[in-house]
C-alpha atoms as a PDB file:
ATOM      1  CA  MET A   1    -183.231  45.013 -84.705  1.00  0.00           C
ATOM      2  CA  SER A   2    -185.663  48.298 -85.357  1.00  0.00           C
ATOM      3  CA  ILE A   3    -188.771  47.980 -82.841  1.00  0.00           C
ATOM      4  CA  ARG A   4    -189.986  51.420 -84.273  1.00  0.00           C
ATOM      5  CA  HIS A   5    -190.597  49.271 -87.731  1.00  0.00           C
ATOM      6  CA  SER A   6    -191.851  46.086 -85.955  1.00  0.00           C
ATOM      7  CA  LEU A   7    -194.598  47.826 -84.424  1.00  0.00           C
ATOM      8  CA  LEU A   8    -195.214  50.021 -86.826  1.00  0.00           C
ATOM      9  CA  ALA A   9    -195.538  46.832 -89.706  1.00  0.00           C
ATOM     10  CA  LEU A  10    -197.992  45.033 -86.828  1.00  0.00           C
ATOM     11  CA  LEU A  11    -200.264  48.285 -86.470  1.00  0.00           C
ATOM     12  CA  GLN A  12    -200.666  47.695 -90.351  1.00  0.00           C
ATOM     13  CA  GLY A  13    -202.719  44.918 -89.714  1.00  0.00           C
ATOM     14  CA  GLN A  14    -205.220  46.461 -87.580  1.00  0.00           C
ATOM     15  CA  PRO A  15    -205.207  48.899 -84.334  1.00  0.00           C
ATOM     16  CA  ARG A  16    -203.886  47.316 -81.277  1.00  0.00           C
ATOM     17  CA  TYR A  17    -202.418  48.073 -77.279  1.00  0.00           C
ATOM     18  CA  GLY A  18    -199.375  47.892 -76.271  1.00  0.00           C
ATOM     19  CA  TYR A  19    -199.421  44.051 -74.731  1.00  0.00           C
ATOM     20  CA  GLU A  20    -201.216  42.371 -77.979  1.00  0.00           C
ATOM     21  CA  LEU A  21    -197.752  44.405 -79.965  1.00  0.00           C
ATOM     22  CA  ARG A  22    -195.634  42.482 -77.897  1.00  0.00           C
ATOM     23  CA  SER A  23    -197.684  39.334 -78.018  1.00  0.00           C
ATOM     24  CA  GLU A  24    -197.999  39.486 -81.622  1.00  0.00           C
ATOM     25  CA  PHE A  25    -194.547  40.627 -82.095  1.00  0.00           C
ATOM     26  CA  GLU A  26    -193.369  37.762 -79.795  1.00  0.00           C
ATOM     27  CA  GLU A  27    -195.429  35.293 -81.575  1.00  0.00           C
ATOM     28  CA  ARG A  28    -194.155  35.625 -84.929  1.00  0.00           C
ATOM     29  CA  THR A  29    -190.683  35.765 -84.274  1.00  0.00           C
ATOM     30  CA  GLY A  30    -191.045  32.928 -81.824  1.00  0.00           C
ATOM     31  CA  ALA A  31    -189.815  34.732 -79.595  1.00  0.00           C
ATOM     32  CA  ALA A  32    -186.595  34.770 -80.023  1.00  0.00           C
ATOM     33  CA  TRP A  33    -186.101  38.328 -79.158  1.00  0.00           C
ATOM     34  CA  PRO A  34    -188.566  39.025 -76.442  1.00  0.00           C
ATOM     35  CA  LEU A  35    -189.654  42.402 -75.736  1.00  0.00           C
ATOM     36  CA  ASN A  36    -189.807  44.039 -73.014  1.00  0.00           C
ATOM     37  CA  ILE A  37    -193.518  45.911 -72.349  1.00  0.00           C
ATOM     38  CA  GLY A  38    -192.118  49.135 -70.776  1.00  0.00           C
ATOM     39  CA  GLN A  39    -189.903  49.000 -74.113  1.00  0.00           C
ATOM     40  CA  VAL A  40    -192.787  48.657 -76.542  1.00  0.00           C
ATOM     41  CA  TYR A  41    -195.186  51.701 -74.689  1.00  0.00           C
ATOM     42  CA  THR A  42    -192.252  54.174 -74.752  1.00  0.00           C
ATOM     43  CA  THR A  43    -191.270  53.068 -78.635  1.00  0.00           C
ATOM     44  CA  LEU A  44    -194.995  54.243 -79.002  1.00  0.00           C
ATOM     45  CA  ASP A  45    -194.955  57.257 -77.173  1.00  0.00           C
ATOM     46  CA  ARG A  46    -191.973  58.135 -79.519  1.00  0.00           C
ATOM     47  CA  LEU A  47    -194.181  57.122 -82.546  1.00  0.00           C
ATOM     48  CA  GLU A  48    -196.595  58.955 -81.305  1.00  0.00           C
ATOM     49  CA  ARG A  49    -194.906  62.143 -80.366  1.00  0.00           C
ATOM     50  CA  ASP A  50    -193.410  61.728 -84.405  1.00  0.00           C
ATOM     51  CA  GLY A  51    -196.876  61.534 -86.019  1.00  0.00           C
ATOM     52  CA  LEU A  52    -196.783  57.984 -87.078  1.00  0.00           C
ATOM     53  CA  VAL A  53    -199.359  56.209 -84.620  1.00  0.00           C
ATOM     54  CA  SER A  54    -202.053  57.919 -83.358  1.00  0.00           C
ATOM     55  CA  LYS A  55    -204.357  56.792 -79.872  1.00  0.00           C
ATOM     56  CA  ASP A  56    -207.517  55.935 -80.554  1.00  0.00           C
ATOM     57  CA  GLY A  57    -208.795  55.539 -77.079  1.00  0.00           C
ATOM     58  CA  ASP A  58    -209.616  52.462 -75.172  1.00  0.00           C
ATOM     59  CA  ASP A  59    -210.421  49.479 -75.706  1.00  0.00           C
ATOM     60  CA  GLY A  60    -213.620  49.118 -72.594  1.00  0.00           C
ATOM     61  CA  GLY A  61    -210.264  47.349 -70.369  1.00  0.00           C
ATOM     62  CA  GLY A  62    -208.262  50.040 -70.546  1.00  0.00           C
ATOM     63  CA  HIS A  63    -205.590  49.817 -72.349  1.00  0.00           C
ATOM     64  CA  VAL A  64    -204.812  52.191 -75.177  1.00  0.00           C
ATOM     65  CA  VAL A  65    -205.410  51.411 -78.371  1.00  0.00           C
ATOM     66  CA  TYR A  66    -202.891  53.049 -81.158  1.00  0.00           C
ATOM     67  CA  SER A  67    -203.425  52.580 -84.964  1.00  0.00           C
ATOM     68  CA  ILE A  68    -200.779  53.942 -87.924  1.00  0.00           C
ATOM     69  CA  THR A  69    -201.135  56.687 -89.422  1.00  0.00           C
ATOM     70  CA  ASP A  70    -200.392  57.889 -93.042  1.00  0.00           C
ATOM     71  CA  ALA A  71    -197.059  58.933 -92.321  1.00  0.00           C
ATOM     72  CA  GLY A  72    -196.374  55.721 -90.259  1.00  0.00           C
ATOM     73  CA  VAL A  73    -197.498  53.557 -93.164  1.00  0.00           C
ATOM     74  CA  ALA A  74    -195.167  55.543 -95.276  1.00  0.00           C
ATOM     75  CA  GLU A  75    -192.295  54.943 -92.799  1.00  0.00           C
ATOM     76  CA  VAL A  76    -193.106  51.103 -92.315  1.00  0.00           C
ATOM     77  CA  ASP A  77    -193.060  50.736 -96.276  1.00  0.00           C
ATOM     78  CA  ALA A  78    -190.248  52.944 -97.101  1.00  0.00           C
ATOM     79  CA  TRP A  79    -188.585  50.024 -94.492  1.00  0.00           C
ATOM     80  CA  PHE A  80    -189.607  47.259 -95.905  1.00  0.00           C
ATOM     81  CA  GLU A  81    -187.998  48.059 -99.546  1.00  0.00           C
ATOM     82  CA  ASP A  82    -184.751  48.967 -98.363  1.00  0.00           C
ATOM     83  CA  ALA A  83    -182.045  46.407 -97.394  1.00  0.00           C
ATOM     84  CA  VAL A  84    -180.635  46.258 -94.027  1.00  0.00           C
ATOM     85  CA  GLU A  85    -177.212  48.733 -94.021  1.00  0.00           C
ATOM     86  CA  ARG A  86    -174.418  46.596 -92.617  1.00  0.00           C
ATOM     87  CA  GLY A  87    -172.342  49.521 -91.969  1.00  0.00           C
ATOM     88  CA  ASN A  88    -171.345  49.689 -88.303  1.00  0.00           C
ATOM     89  CA  PRO A  89    -171.718  45.691 -87.819  1.00  0.00           C
ATOM     90  CA  PRO A  90    -173.541  45.075 -84.282  1.00  0.00           C
ATOM     91  CA  ARG A  91    -171.407  44.743 -81.170  1.00  0.00           C
ATOM     92  CA  ASN A  92    -170.064  41.018 -81.208  1.00  0.00           C
ATOM     93  CA  GLU A  93    -169.540  40.030 -77.529  1.00  0.00           C
ATOM     94  CA  ILE A  94    -167.832  36.897 -78.539  1.00  0.00           C
ATOM     95  CA  ALA A  95    -165.200  38.516 -80.334  1.00  0.00           C
ATOM     96  CA  ILE A  96    -164.452  41.131 -78.053  1.00  0.00           C
ATOM     97  CA  LYS A  97    -164.200  38.610 -74.801  1.00  0.00           C
ATOM     98  CA  LEU A  98    -161.750  36.634 -77.421  1.00  0.00           C
ATOM     99  CA  ALA A  99    -159.493  39.728 -79.027  1.00  0.00           C
ATOM    100  CA  LEU A 100    -159.673  40.578 -75.035  1.00  0.00           C
ATOM    101  CA  ALA A 101    -158.324  37.084 -74.167  1.00  0.00           C
ATOM    102  CA  VAL A 102    -155.916  36.690 -76.634  1.00  0.00           C
ATOM    103  CA  THR A 103    -154.206  39.820 -75.429  1.00  0.00           C
ATOM    104  CA  LEU A 104    -154.692  39.293 -71.456  1.00  0.00           C
ATOM    105  CA  PRO A 105    -151.985  37.773 -69.755  1.00  0.00           C
ATOM    106  CA  ASP A 106    -153.834  35.667 -67.485  1.00  0.00           C
ATOM    107  CA  VAL A 107    -156.686  34.604 -69.594  1.00  0.00           C
ATOM    108  CA  ASP A 108    -156.331  31.435 -71.221  1.00  0.00           C
ATOM    109  CA  PRO A 109    -158.019  32.020 -74.828  1.00  0.00           C
ATOM    110  CA  SER A 110    -158.395  28.253 -75.646  1.00  0.00           C
ATOM    111  CA  ALA A 111    -160.769  27.640 -72.849  1.00  0.00           C
ATOM    112  CA  VAL A 112    -163.058  30.767 -73.778  1.00  0.00           C
ATOM    113  CA  ILE A 113    -163.281  29.678 -77.220  1.00  0.00           C
ATOM    114  CA  GLN A 114    -163.943  25.807 -75.677  1.00  0.00           C
ATOM    115  CA  SER A 115    -166.266  27.314 -73.779  1.00  0.00           C
ATOM    116  CA  GLN A 116    -168.351  29.519 -76.557  1.00  0.00           C
ATOM    117  CA  ARG A 117    -168.246  26.393 -78.584  1.00  0.00           C
ATOM    118  CA  GLU A 118    -170.457  24.016 -75.854  1.00  0.00           C
ATOM    119  CA  VAL A 119    -172.555  26.900 -75.654  1.00  0.00           C
ATOM    120  CA  SER A 120    -172.849  27.462 -79.808  1.00  0.00           C
ATOM    121  CA  LEU A 121    -172.966  23.483 -80.536  1.00  0.00           C
ATOM    122  CA  ARG A 122    -175.737  23.334 -78.014  1.00  0.00           C
ATOM    123  CA  ALA A 123    -177.820  26.121 -79.053  1.00  0.00           C
ATOM    124  CA  LEU A 124    -177.425  24.823 -82.631  1.00  0.00           C
ATOM    125  CA  GLN A 125    -179.048  21.320 -81.497  1.00  0.00           C
ATOM    126  CA  GLU A 126    -181.590  23.325 -80.174  1.00  0.00           C
ATOM    127  CA  TYR A 127    -182.840  25.206 -83.259  1.00  0.00           C
ATOM    128  CA  THR A 128    -182.631  22.308 -85.165  1.00  0.00           C
ATOM    129  CA  GLN A 129    -184.651  20.742 -83.168  1.00  0.00           C
ATOM    130  CA  ALA A 130    -187.371  23.241 -83.041  1.00  0.00           C
ATOM    131  CA  ARG A 131    -187.142  23.797 -87.195  1.00  0.00           C
ATOM    132  CA  LYS A 132    -188.228  19.385 -86.946  1.00  0.00           C
ATOM    133  CA  ALA A 133    -191.005  20.296 -84.625  1.00  0.00           C
ATOM    134  CA  ALA A 134    -192.036  23.134 -86.653  1.00  0.00           C
ATOM    135  CA  THR A 135    -191.968  21.570 -90.032  1.00  0.00           C
ATOM    136  CA  ALA A 136    -193.598  18.329 -89.149  1.00  0.00           C
ATOM    137  CA  GLY A 137    -196.953  19.530 -88.148  1.00  0.00           C
ATOM    138  CA  GLN A 138    -196.122  22.779 -90.420  1.00  0.00           C
ATOM    139  CA  ARG A 139    -199.267  25.593 -90.777  1.00  0.00           C
ATOM    140  CA  PRO A 140    -198.892  28.533 -92.602  1.00  0.00           C
ATOM    141  CA  ALA A 141    -198.664  31.024 -89.833  1.00  0.00           C
ATOM    142  CA  ASP A 142    -195.355  28.639 -88.554  1.00  0.00           C
ATOM    143  CA  THR A 143    -193.897  30.288 -92.155  1.00  0.00           C
ATOM    144  CA  ALA A 144    -192.361  33.321 -90.134  1.00  0.00           C
ATOM    145  CA  TRP A 145    -191.011  31.168 -87.036  1.00  0.00           C
ATOM    146  CA  LEU A 146    -189.313  28.846 -89.569  1.00  0.00           C
ATOM    147  CA  LEU A 147    -187.136  32.177 -91.377  1.00  0.00           C
ATOM    148  CA  VAL A 148    -186.159  33.082 -87.879  1.00  0.00           C
ATOM    149  CA  LEU A 149    -184.984  29.699 -86.794  1.00  0.00           C
ATOM    150  CA  ASP A 150    -183.151  29.186 -89.724  1.00  0.00           C
ATOM    151  CA  SER A 151    -181.487  32.234 -89.659  1.00  0.00           C
ATOM    152  CA  LEU A 152    -180.968  31.286 -85.895  1.00  0.00           C
ATOM    153  CA  ILE A 153    -179.525  28.287 -87.076  1.00  0.00           C
ATOM    154  CA  PHE A 154    -177.137  29.784 -89.908  1.00  0.00           C
ATOM    155  CA  GLN A 155    -175.748  32.633 -87.199  1.00  0.00           C
ATOM    156  CA  ALA A 156    -175.092  29.704 -84.818  1.00  0.00           C
ATOM    157  CA  GLU A 157    -173.174  27.482 -87.952  1.00  0.00           C
ATOM    158  CA  ALA A 158    -171.085  30.231 -88.584  1.00  0.00           C
ATOM    159  CA  GLU A 159    -170.252  30.743 -85.326  1.00  0.00           C
ATOM    160  CA  VAL A 160    -169.166  27.202 -84.851  1.00  0.00           C
ATOM    161  CA  ARG A 161    -167.374  27.245 -88.311  1.00  0.00           C
ATOM    162  CA  TRP A 162    -165.285  31.079 -86.756  1.00  0.00           C
ATOM    163  CA  LEU A 163    -164.352  29.465 -83.359  1.00  0.00           C
ATOM    164  CA  ASP A 164    -163.207  26.441 -85.285  1.00  0.00           C
ATOM    165  CA  LEU A 165    -160.803  29.453 -86.706  1.00  0.00           C
ATOM    166  CA  CYS A 166    -160.279  31.090 -84.084  1.00  0.00           C
ATOM    167  CA  GLU A 167    -158.672  27.737 -82.495  1.00  0.00           C
ATOM    168  CA  ALA A 168    -156.422  27.278 -85.213  1.00  0.00           C
ATOM    169  CA  ARG A 169    -154.908  30.714 -85.079  1.00  0.00           C
ATOM    170  CA  MET A 170    -154.372  29.995 -81.234  1.00  0.00           C
ATOM    171  CA  VAL A 171    -152.317  27.282 -82.301  1.00  0.00           C
ATOM    172  CA  GLN A 172    -150.794  29.040 -85.248  1.00  0.00           C
ATOM    173  CA  ALA A 173    -149.624  31.890 -82.913  1.00  0.00           C
ATOM    174  CA  GLN A 174    -148.254  29.223 -80.839  1.00  0.00           C
ATOM    175  CA  GLY A 175    -146.065  27.688 -83.242  1.00  0.00           C
ATOM    176  CA  ARG A 176    -144.746  30.764 -84.189  1.00  0.00           C
ATOM    177  CA  ASN A 177    -144.182  32.102 -80.265  1.00  0.00           C
ATOM    178  CA  HIS A 178    -142.115  28.624 -80.023  1.00  0.00           C
ATOM    179  CA  SER A 179    -140.063  29.218 -83.054  1.00  0.00           C
ATOM    180  CA  ASN A 180    -138.822  32.468 -82.053  1.00  0.00           C
END
């Protein structure tokens, strides 16, 4: 996830200080990816160093206010225009755990699969309930949260299907091992 570009996008609306950016990001994404305030300010420092934001003084309450520069606008416009590359898949802790589980003698991969399936199904239920709640009294501002929820639901569904496939492969592998 590009915190850099997310902060720039939020600054297009109006100048803000770090905590406002963090709050706005979490509100628009339903806090699905909470930001550490230190990460926000570190990113703002880098953006300033790179000439993409500038400090506008403070808000009178001691908060440093940042605004986007023309170079920052060009950077965020390019970000929105370019598709997200899938060249390097993100690390998937579950896949790594299962890959190791099937290769280590003292680990039961089926137990790992069952444990993860419970967590994934629970998450799927929670996301589905959150979507129902958001659509029940939907306001225009809820669209961003609904998009995030739909993405999380699809990811959880795909994870459950993948775990089913992993389980089927484990059964298939056990059948081959017993016949040899």
